[in-house]
N, C-alpha and C. Protein backbone atom coordinates (compact mmCIF):
# COMPACT_ATOMS: atom_id res chain seq x y z
N MET A 1 69.29 -26.11 -27.74
CA MET A 1 68.83 -27.37 -27.94
C MET A 1 69.86 -28.60 -27.87
N SER A 2 69.80 -29.65 -27.39
CA SER A 2 70.92 -30.68 -27.33
C SER A 2 70.39 -31.88 -28.02
N LYS A 3 71.38 -32.75 -28.25
CA LYS A 3 71.10 -34.04 -28.94
C LYS A 3 70.89 -35.01 -27.68
N THR A 4 70.43 -36.08 -27.84
CA THR A 4 70.55 -37.19 -26.94
C THR A 4 70.72 -38.48 -27.75
N CYS A 5 71.68 -39.20 -27.01
CA CYS A 5 72.08 -40.60 -27.72
C CYS A 5 71.17 -41.55 -27.52
N GLN A 6 70.87 -42.02 -28.94
CA GLN A 6 69.76 -43.25 -29.23
C GLN A 6 70.15 -44.42 -28.34
N ASN A 7 71.66 -44.64 -28.12
CA ASN A 7 71.84 -45.99 -27.32
C ASN A 7 71.75 -46.06 -25.92
N CYS A 8 72.28 -44.87 -25.33
CA CYS A 8 72.56 -44.82 -23.76
C CYS A 8 71.83 -43.65 -23.00
N LYS A 9 71.02 -42.90 -24.16
CA LYS A 9 70.10 -41.61 -23.50
C LYS A 9 70.89 -40.49 -22.97
N LYS A 10 72.30 -40.50 -22.96
CA LYS A 10 73.03 -39.48 -22.48
C LYS A 10 72.63 -37.84 -23.26
N ILE A 11 72.35 -36.88 -22.66
CA ILE A 11 72.51 -35.50 -23.54
C ILE A 11 73.71 -34.85 -23.69
N LEU A 12 73.70 -34.70 -24.80
CA LEU A 12 75.22 -34.13 -25.46
C LEU A 12 74.78 -32.85 -26.12
N PRO A 13 75.73 -32.01 -26.24
CA PRO A 13 75.71 -30.67 -27.00
C PRO A 13 75.30 -30.85 -28.64
N ASP A 14 74.90 -29.81 -29.17
CA ASP A 14 74.55 -30.03 -30.42
C ASP A 14 75.75 -30.25 -31.44
N THR A 15 76.77 -29.99 -31.13
CA THR A 15 78.02 -29.93 -31.75
C THR A 15 78.47 -31.41 -31.80
N ALA A 16 78.13 -32.42 -31.04
CA ALA A 16 78.69 -33.74 -30.97
C ALA A 16 78.40 -34.51 -31.91
N LYS A 17 79.41 -35.28 -32.29
CA LYS A 17 78.99 -36.34 -33.57
C LYS A 17 79.03 -37.90 -33.06
N PHE A 18 79.70 -37.92 -31.86
CA PHE A 18 79.56 -39.24 -31.10
C PHE A 18 79.26 -39.15 -29.74
N CYS A 19 78.73 -39.90 -29.31
CA CYS A 19 78.41 -39.93 -27.51
C CYS A 19 79.74 -40.01 -26.70
N THR A 20 79.88 -39.38 -25.71
CA THR A 20 81.01 -39.25 -24.73
C THR A 20 80.97 -40.16 -23.92
N ALA A 21 79.79 -40.83 -23.75
CA ALA A 21 79.69 -42.20 -22.75
C ALA A 21 79.92 -43.34 -23.51
N CYS A 22 79.43 -43.57 -24.60
CA CYS A 22 79.17 -45.02 -25.02
C CYS A 22 79.81 -45.01 -26.55
N GLY A 23 80.20 -44.01 -27.11
CA GLY A 23 80.93 -43.94 -28.23
C GLY A 23 80.12 -44.08 -29.65
N THR A 24 78.83 -44.44 -29.32
CA THR A 24 77.75 -44.24 -30.40
C THR A 24 77.97 -43.20 -31.55
N LYS A 25 77.76 -43.29 -32.83
CA LYS A 25 77.53 -42.15 -33.64
C LYS A 25 76.26 -41.78 -33.59
N LEU A 26 76.20 -40.33 -33.47
CA LEU A 26 75.00 -39.68 -33.64
C LEU A 26 74.69 -39.24 -34.72
N ASN A 27 73.17 -39.26 -35.04
CA ASN A 27 72.41 -38.84 -36.25
C ASN A 27 72.82 -37.60 -36.58
N VAL A 28 73.27 -37.09 -37.81
CA VAL A 28 73.54 -35.96 -38.01
C VAL A 28 72.51 -35.22 -38.88
N GLU A 29 71.51 -35.99 -39.37
CA GLU A 29 70.56 -35.50 -40.00
C GLU A 29 69.65 -34.69 -39.09
N ALA A 30 68.87 -33.69 -39.60
CA ALA A 30 67.89 -33.02 -38.93
C ALA A 30 66.70 -33.64 -38.86
N ILE A 31 66.11 -33.87 -37.63
CA ILE A 31 64.75 -34.59 -37.47
C ILE A 31 63.69 -33.73 -37.89
N PRO A 32 62.92 -34.10 -38.84
CA PRO A 32 61.89 -33.24 -39.35
C PRO A 32 60.85 -32.68 -38.32
N GLN A 33 60.51 -31.29 -38.35
CA GLN A 33 59.58 -30.91 -37.60
C GLN A 33 58.35 -31.17 -37.69
N LEU A 34 57.22 -31.62 -36.69
CA LEU A 34 55.83 -31.81 -37.26
C LEU A 34 55.03 -30.53 -37.46
N THR A 35 54.45 -30.40 -38.35
CA THR A 35 53.70 -29.12 -38.60
C THR A 35 52.37 -29.22 -38.16
N ILE A 36 51.69 -28.54 -37.30
CA ILE A 36 50.29 -28.60 -36.59
C ILE A 36 49.53 -27.64 -37.37
N CYS A 37 48.50 -28.00 -38.08
CA CYS A 37 47.66 -26.82 -38.77
C CYS A 37 46.51 -26.53 -37.69
């Protein structure tokens, strides 16, 4: 799985903390998964 920069939408590796294209700091928090019952 990879991360996407919220600013420029560049796809980045999971280990990235900053976007290599625009320099935006990436969210380090995990996005909660939606549970479907």
